[in-house]
Amino acid sequence: MKLMQQTVNVQDVCGHYDFLGSRDSGEKLHTKIVELLNSQENKDVKLGLDFNGVNRVSHSFADEVFGLMASRFGVNFIQNHIDLRNASGHIKTMCNFAIKERLKKQKVEKREN
């Protein structure tokens, strides 16, 4: 089944900055993504997150968006429903690092319990 494409402009959600560094900004984007994917009409959507105009993100921002999403929904969900557009190599690296760190932390916490 082919997924419908929908684009979210990251700056429209988080503010028109070339650097996104706060967890608050990340939370706004995370919430927007979850709202769009949870709405009835968007069950079969692949969201394109358009980072046009954003050059860099912090680990905190990336963790709040992608680390939390990986923890809640899994990496396969991200791969199947999220597409990074106009994202620099730095942004992609930070997102991947945040996902790996969050899942590593989650694994350690499970072992301790």
N, C-alpha and C. Protein backbone atom coordinates (compact mmCIF):
# COMPACT_ATOMS: atom_id res chain seq x y z
N MET A 1 0.85 -1.17 0.00
CA MET A 1 0.00 0.00 0.00
C MET A 1 0.89 1.24 0.00
N LYS A 2 0.60 2.15 -0.88
CA LYS A 2 1.37 3.39 -0.97
C LYS A 2 0.83 4.41 0.04
N LEU A 3 1.72 5.02 0.79
CA LEU A 3 1.33 6.01 1.78
C LEU A 3 1.18 7.38 1.14
N MET A 4 0.17 8.12 1.58
CA MET A 4 0.01 9.50 1.13
C MET A 4 1.12 10.34 1.74
N GLN A 5 1.57 11.34 1.01
CA GLN A 5 2.62 12.24 1.49
C GLN A 5 2.00 13.51 2.05
N GLN A 6 2.51 13.96 3.16
CA GLN A 6 2.12 15.24 3.74
C GLN A 6 3.38 15.91 4.26
N THR A 7 3.52 17.22 4.04
CA THR A 7 4.72 17.93 4.45
C THR A 7 4.44 18.86 5.62
N VAL A 8 5.35 18.85 6.58
CA VAL A 8 5.30 19.76 7.72
C VAL A 8 6.55 20.63 7.65
N ASN A 9 6.36 21.94 7.59
CA ASN A 9 7.49 22.87 7.60
C ASN A 9 7.92 23.05 9.06
N VAL A 10 9.12 22.60 9.37
CA VAL A 10 9.61 22.61 10.75
C VAL A 10 9.65 24.03 11.32
N GLN A 11 10.07 25.00 10.52
CA GLN A 11 10.13 26.38 11.01
C GLN A 11 8.74 26.94 11.32
N ASP A 12 7.71 26.52 10.59
CA ASP A 12 6.36 26.98 10.88
C ASP A 12 5.89 26.50 12.26
N VAL A 13 6.36 25.34 12.67
CA VAL A 13 5.98 24.77 13.96
C VAL A 13 6.86 25.29 15.09
N CYS A 14 8.16 25.39 14.84
CA CYS A 14 9.14 25.67 15.91
C CYS A 14 9.65 27.10 15.94
N GLY A 15 9.35 27.88 14.95
CA GLY A 15 9.88 29.24 14.87
C GLY A 15 10.90 29.34 13.75
N HIS A 16 11.02 30.52 13.20
CA HIS A 16 11.89 30.74 12.04
C HIS A 16 13.32 31.05 12.48
N TYR A 17 13.99 29.99 12.93
CA TYR A 17 15.38 30.08 13.38
C TYR A 17 16.21 29.11 12.56
N ASP A 18 17.49 29.41 12.39
CA ASP A 18 18.35 28.46 11.68
C ASP A 18 18.95 27.42 12.62
N PHE A 19 18.82 27.63 13.93
CA PHE A 19 19.26 26.67 14.93
C PHE A 19 18.09 26.38 15.87
N LEU A 20 17.75 25.12 16.03
CA LEU A 20 16.70 24.72 16.96
C LEU A 20 17.37 23.95 18.09
N GLY A 21 17.32 24.53 19.30
CA GLY A 21 18.09 23.96 20.39
C GLY A 21 17.33 23.57 21.63
N SER A 22 16.08 23.95 21.75
CA SER A 22 15.39 23.70 23.02
C SER A 22 14.49 22.47 22.96
N ARG A 23 14.32 21.86 24.13
CA ARG A 23 13.37 20.75 24.25
C ARG A 23 11.95 21.25 23.97
N ASP A 24 11.67 22.50 24.32
CA ASP A 24 10.34 23.06 24.08
C ASP A 24 10.02 23.06 22.58
N SER A 25 10.96 23.48 21.76
CA SER A 25 10.76 23.45 20.31
C SER A 25 10.59 22.02 19.82
N GLY A 26 11.38 21.12 20.36
CA GLY A 26 11.27 19.71 19.99
C GLY A 26 9.93 19.13 20.39
N GLU A 27 9.44 19.53 21.56
CA GLU A 27 8.14 19.05 22.02
C GLU A 27 7.03 19.53 21.09
N LYS A 28 7.12 20.77 20.63
CA LYS A 28 6.11 21.29 19.70
C LYS A 28 6.06 20.45 18.42
N LEU A 29 7.23 20.13 17.88
CA LEU A 29 7.27 19.35 16.64
C LEU A 29 6.80 17.92 16.90
N HIS A 30 7.23 17.33 17.99
CA HIS A 30 6.81 15.96 18.34
C HIS A 30 5.29 15.90 18.45
N THR A 31 4.71 16.87 19.16
CA THR A 31 3.26 16.91 19.35
C THR A 31 2.54 17.04 18.01
N LYS A 32 3.04 17.90 17.14
CA LYS A 32 2.44 18.10 15.81
C LYS A 32 2.48 16.80 15.01
N ILE A 33 3.61 16.11 15.03
CA ILE A 33 3.75 14.85 14.29
C ILE A 33 2.75 13.83 14.80
N VAL A 34 2.68 13.66 16.12
CA VAL A 34 1.77 12.67 16.71
C VAL A 34 0.32 13.02 16.40
N GLU A 35 -0.04 14.30 16.50
CA GLU A 35 -1.41 14.72 16.18
C GLU A 35 -1.76 14.36 14.74
N LEU A 36 -0.87 14.66 13.81
CA LEU A 36 -1.14 14.38 12.40
C LEU A 36 -1.25 12.88 12.12
N LEU A 37 -0.38 12.10 12.72
CA LEU A 37 -0.39 10.67 12.46
C LEU A 37 -1.52 9.95 13.19
N ASN A 38 -2.01 10.52 14.29
CA ASN A 38 -3.10 9.89 15.03
C ASN A 38 -4.48 10.27 14.52
N SER A 39 -4.56 11.31 13.71
CA SER A 39 -5.88 11.71 13.21
C SER A 39 -6.41 10.64 12.26
N GLN A 40 -7.70 10.43 12.30
CA GLN A 40 -8.34 9.35 11.54
C GLN A 40 -7.98 9.36 10.07
N GLU A 41 -8.00 10.52 9.46
CA GLU A 41 -7.78 10.59 8.02
C GLU A 41 -6.32 10.40 7.62
N ASN A 42 -5.41 10.36 8.59
CA ASN A 42 -3.98 10.28 8.27
C ASN A 42 -3.32 8.97 8.67
N LYS A 43 -4.08 7.90 8.75
CA LYS A 43 -3.50 6.62 9.16
C LYS A 43 -2.43 6.12 8.18
N ASP A 44 -2.60 6.43 6.92
CA ASP A 44 -1.68 5.94 5.89
C ASP A 44 -0.86 7.07 5.28
N VAL A 45 -0.27 7.89 6.15
CA VAL A 45 0.47 9.06 5.69
C VAL A 45 1.95 8.90 6.02
N LYS A 46 2.77 9.37 5.11
CA LYS A 46 4.20 9.52 5.39
C LYS A 46 4.45 11.02 5.48
N LEU A 47 4.90 11.46 6.66
CA LEU A 47 5.14 12.89 6.88
C LEU A 47 6.53 13.27 6.42
N GLY A 48 6.60 14.29 5.60
CA GLY A 48 7.87 14.88 5.22
C GLY A 48 8.14 16.06 6.12
N LEU A 49 9.17 15.96 6.93
CA LEU A 49 9.56 17.07 7.80
C LEU A 49 10.55 17.93 7.04
N ASP A 50 10.12 19.11 6.65
CA ASP A 50 10.93 20.00 5.82
C ASP A 50 11.75 20.92 6.71
N PHE A 51 13.06 20.68 6.74
CA PHE A 51 13.98 21.47 7.56
C PHE A 51 14.57 22.65 6.79
N ASN A 52 13.94 23.04 5.70
CA ASN A 52 14.43 24.18 4.91
C ASN A 52 14.60 25.40 5.82
N GLY A 53 15.79 26.00 5.80
CA GLY A 53 16.09 27.16 6.62
C GLY A 53 16.71 26.83 7.97
N VAL A 54 16.66 25.56 8.36
CA VAL A 54 17.26 25.12 9.63
C VAL A 54 18.60 24.48 9.29
N ASN A 55 19.67 25.00 9.89
CA ASN A 55 21.01 24.48 9.61
C ASN A 55 21.47 23.45 10.63
N ARG A 56 21.05 23.65 11.90
CA ARG A 56 21.53 22.80 12.98
C ARG A 56 20.43 22.60 14.01
N VAL A 57 20.52 21.47 14.73
CA VAL A 57 19.65 21.21 15.88
C VAL A 57 20.52 20.70 17.02
N SER A 58 20.05 20.89 18.23
CA SER A 58 20.78 20.38 19.39
C SER A 58 20.37 18.93 19.66
N HIS A 59 21.16 18.27 20.49
CA HIS A 59 20.81 16.92 20.92
C HIS A 59 19.48 16.94 21.67
N SER A 60 19.26 17.97 22.49
CA SER A 60 18.01 18.07 23.26
C SER A 60 16.80 18.13 22.34
N PHE A 61 16.88 18.94 21.30
CA PHE A 61 15.79 19.05 20.33
C PHE A 61 15.56 17.71 19.65
N ALA A 62 16.63 17.10 19.14
CA ALA A 62 16.52 15.84 18.42
C ALA A 62 15.98 14.73 19.31
N ASP A 63 16.39 14.71 20.57
CA ASP A 63 15.89 13.70 21.50
C ASP A 63 14.41 13.89 21.76
N GLU A 64 13.99 15.12 21.93
CA GLU A 64 12.57 15.39 22.22
C GLU A 64 11.68 14.98 21.05
N VAL A 65 12.17 15.15 19.83
CA VAL A 65 11.38 14.77 18.66
C VAL A 65 11.55 13.29 18.35
N PHE A 66 12.77 12.89 18.05
CA PHE A 66 13.01 11.56 17.48
C PHE A 66 13.34 10.50 18.51
N GLY A 67 14.08 10.86 19.56
CA GLY A 67 14.37 9.89 20.62
C GLY A 67 13.10 9.44 21.30
N LEU A 68 12.26 10.40 21.65
CA LEU A 68 10.99 10.08 22.30
C LEU A 68 10.08 9.28 21.36
N MET A 69 10.06 9.65 20.10
CA MET A 69 9.23 8.93 19.13
C MET A 69 9.70 7.48 18.99
N ALA A 70 11.02 7.27 18.95
CA ALA A 70 11.56 5.90 18.86
C ALA A 70 11.19 5.10 20.09
N SER A 71 11.24 5.74 21.24
CA SER A 71 10.90 5.08 22.49
C SER A 71 9.42 4.70 22.53
N ARG A 72 8.58 5.59 22.06
CA ARG A 72 7.13 5.37 22.11
C ARG A 72 6.62 4.44 21.02
N PHE A 73 7.15 4.60 19.80
CA PHE A 73 6.57 3.92 18.64
C PHE A 73 7.51 2.95 17.94
N GLY A 74 8.80 3.05 18.20
CA GLY A 74 9.78 2.16 17.57
C GLY A 74 10.43 2.78 16.34
N VAL A 75 11.60 2.27 16.03
CA VAL A 75 12.38 2.78 14.90
C VAL A 75 11.67 2.49 13.58
N ASN A 76 11.04 1.33 13.46
CA ASN A 76 10.33 1.00 12.22
C ASN A 76 9.24 2.01 11.92
N PHE A 77 8.56 2.48 12.95
CA PHE A 77 7.52 3.49 12.77
C PHE A 77 8.12 4.75 12.15
N ILE A 78 9.25 5.18 12.68
CA ILE A 78 9.91 6.38 12.15
C ILE A 78 10.31 6.16 10.70
N GLN A 79 10.91 5.02 10.43
CA GLN A 79 11.34 4.73 9.06
C GLN A 79 10.17 4.68 8.08
N ASN A 80 9.03 4.19 8.54
CA ASN A 80 7.87 4.04 7.66
C ASN A 80 7.02 5.29 7.52
N HIS A 81 7.09 6.20 8.50
CA HIS A 81 6.16 7.33 8.50
C HIS A 81 6.80 8.71 8.51
N ILE A 82 8.12 8.78 8.62
CA ILE A 82 8.80 10.08 8.69
C ILE A 82 9.87 10.15 7.61
N ASP A 83 9.90 11.27 6.91
CA ASP A 83 10.89 11.51 5.87
C ASP A 83 11.51 12.89 6.13
N LEU A 84 12.83 12.93 6.32
CA LEU A 84 13.51 14.21 6.54
C LEU A 84 13.82 14.85 5.19
N ARG A 85 13.38 16.08 5.03
CA ARG A 85 13.61 16.81 3.77
C ARG A 85 14.44 18.05 4.05
N ASN A 86 15.33 18.37 3.15
CA ASN A 86 16.20 19.54 3.28
C ASN A 86 16.95 19.54 4.61
N ALA A 87 17.25 18.36 5.12
CA ALA A 87 17.97 18.23 6.39
C ALA A 87 19.46 18.09 6.09
N SER A 88 20.26 18.91 6.75
CA SER A 88 21.72 18.84 6.59
C SER A 88 22.24 17.52 7.17
N GLY A 89 23.47 17.21 6.83
CA GLY A 89 24.12 16.04 7.41
C GLY A 89 24.15 16.12 8.92
N HIS A 90 24.37 17.33 9.45
CA HIS A 90 24.39 17.53 10.91
C HIS A 90 23.04 17.15 11.52
N ILE A 91 21.96 17.61 10.91
CA ILE A 91 20.63 17.33 11.45
C ILE A 91 20.36 15.83 11.44
N LYS A 92 20.68 15.17 10.35
CA LYS A 92 20.47 13.72 10.26
C LYS A 92 21.30 12.98 11.30
N THR A 93 22.54 13.41 11.48
CA THR A 93 23.41 12.78 12.47
C THR A 93 22.85 12.95 13.88
N MET A 94 22.40 14.15 14.21
CA MET A 94 21.85 14.40 15.54
C MET A 94 20.58 13.58 15.78
N CYS A 95 19.74 13.46 14.78
CA CYS A 95 18.51 12.68 14.92
C CYS A 95 18.83 11.21 15.15
N ASN A 96 19.74 10.66 14.36
CA ASN A 96 20.14 9.26 14.52
C ASN A 96 20.80 9.03 15.87
N PHE A 97 21.66 9.95 16.30
CA PHE A 97 22.33 9.83 17.59
C PHE A 97 21.30 9.85 18.73
N ALA A 98 20.33 10.76 18.65
CA ALA A 98 19.31 10.86 19.70
C ALA A 98 18.49 9.57 19.79
N ILE A 99 18.16 8.99 18.66
CA ILE A 99 17.41 7.73 18.66
C ILE A 99 18.23 6.63 19.31
N LYS A 100 19.49 6.49 18.91
CA LYS A 100 20.35 5.45 19.48
C LYS A 100 20.53 5.63 20.98
N GLU A 101 20.76 6.86 21.41
CA GLU A 101 20.95 7.13 22.84
C GLU A 101 19.69 6.82 23.65
N ARG A 102 18.54 7.22 23.14
CA ARG A 102 17.28 6.98 23.85
C ARG A 102 17.00 5.49 23.96
N LEU A 103 17.20 4.75 22.89
CA LEU A 103 16.95 3.31 22.92
C LEU A 103 17.95 2.58 23.81
N LYS A 104 19.20 3.05 23.82
CA LYS A 104 20.22 2.48 24.71
C LYS A 104 19.83 2.71 26.17
N LYS A 105 19.39 3.92 26.49
CA LYS A 105 18.96 4.25 27.85
C LYS A 105 17.75 3.41 28.24
N GLN A 106 16.82 3.24 27.33
CA GLN A 106 15.63 2.45 27.60
C GLN A 106 15.99 0.99 27.88
N LYS A 107 16.96 0.47 27.14
CA LYS A 107 17.41 -0.91 27.32
C LYS A 107 18.05 -1.09 28.70
N VAL A 108 18.86 -0.13 29.12
CA VAL A 108 19.51 -0.18 30.44
C VAL A 108 18.46 -0.13 31.54
N GLU A 109 17.47 0.74 31.39
CA GLU A 109 16.41 0.86 32.40
C GLU A 109 15.62 -0.43 32.53
N LYS A 110 15.37 -1.11 31.42
CA LYS A 110 14.64 -2.38 31.46
C LYS A 110 15.45 -3.43 32.21
N ARG A 111 16.77 -3.45 31.99
CA ARG A 111 17.64 -4.41 32.67
C ARG A 111 17.66 -4.18 34.17
N GLU A 112 17.58 -2.92 34.59
CA GLU A 112 17.65 -2.58 36.01
C GLU A 112 16.35 -2.90 36.73
N ASN A 113 15.27 -3.01 36.01
CA ASN A 113 13.96 -3.29 36.66
C ASN A 113 13.66 -4.73 36.72
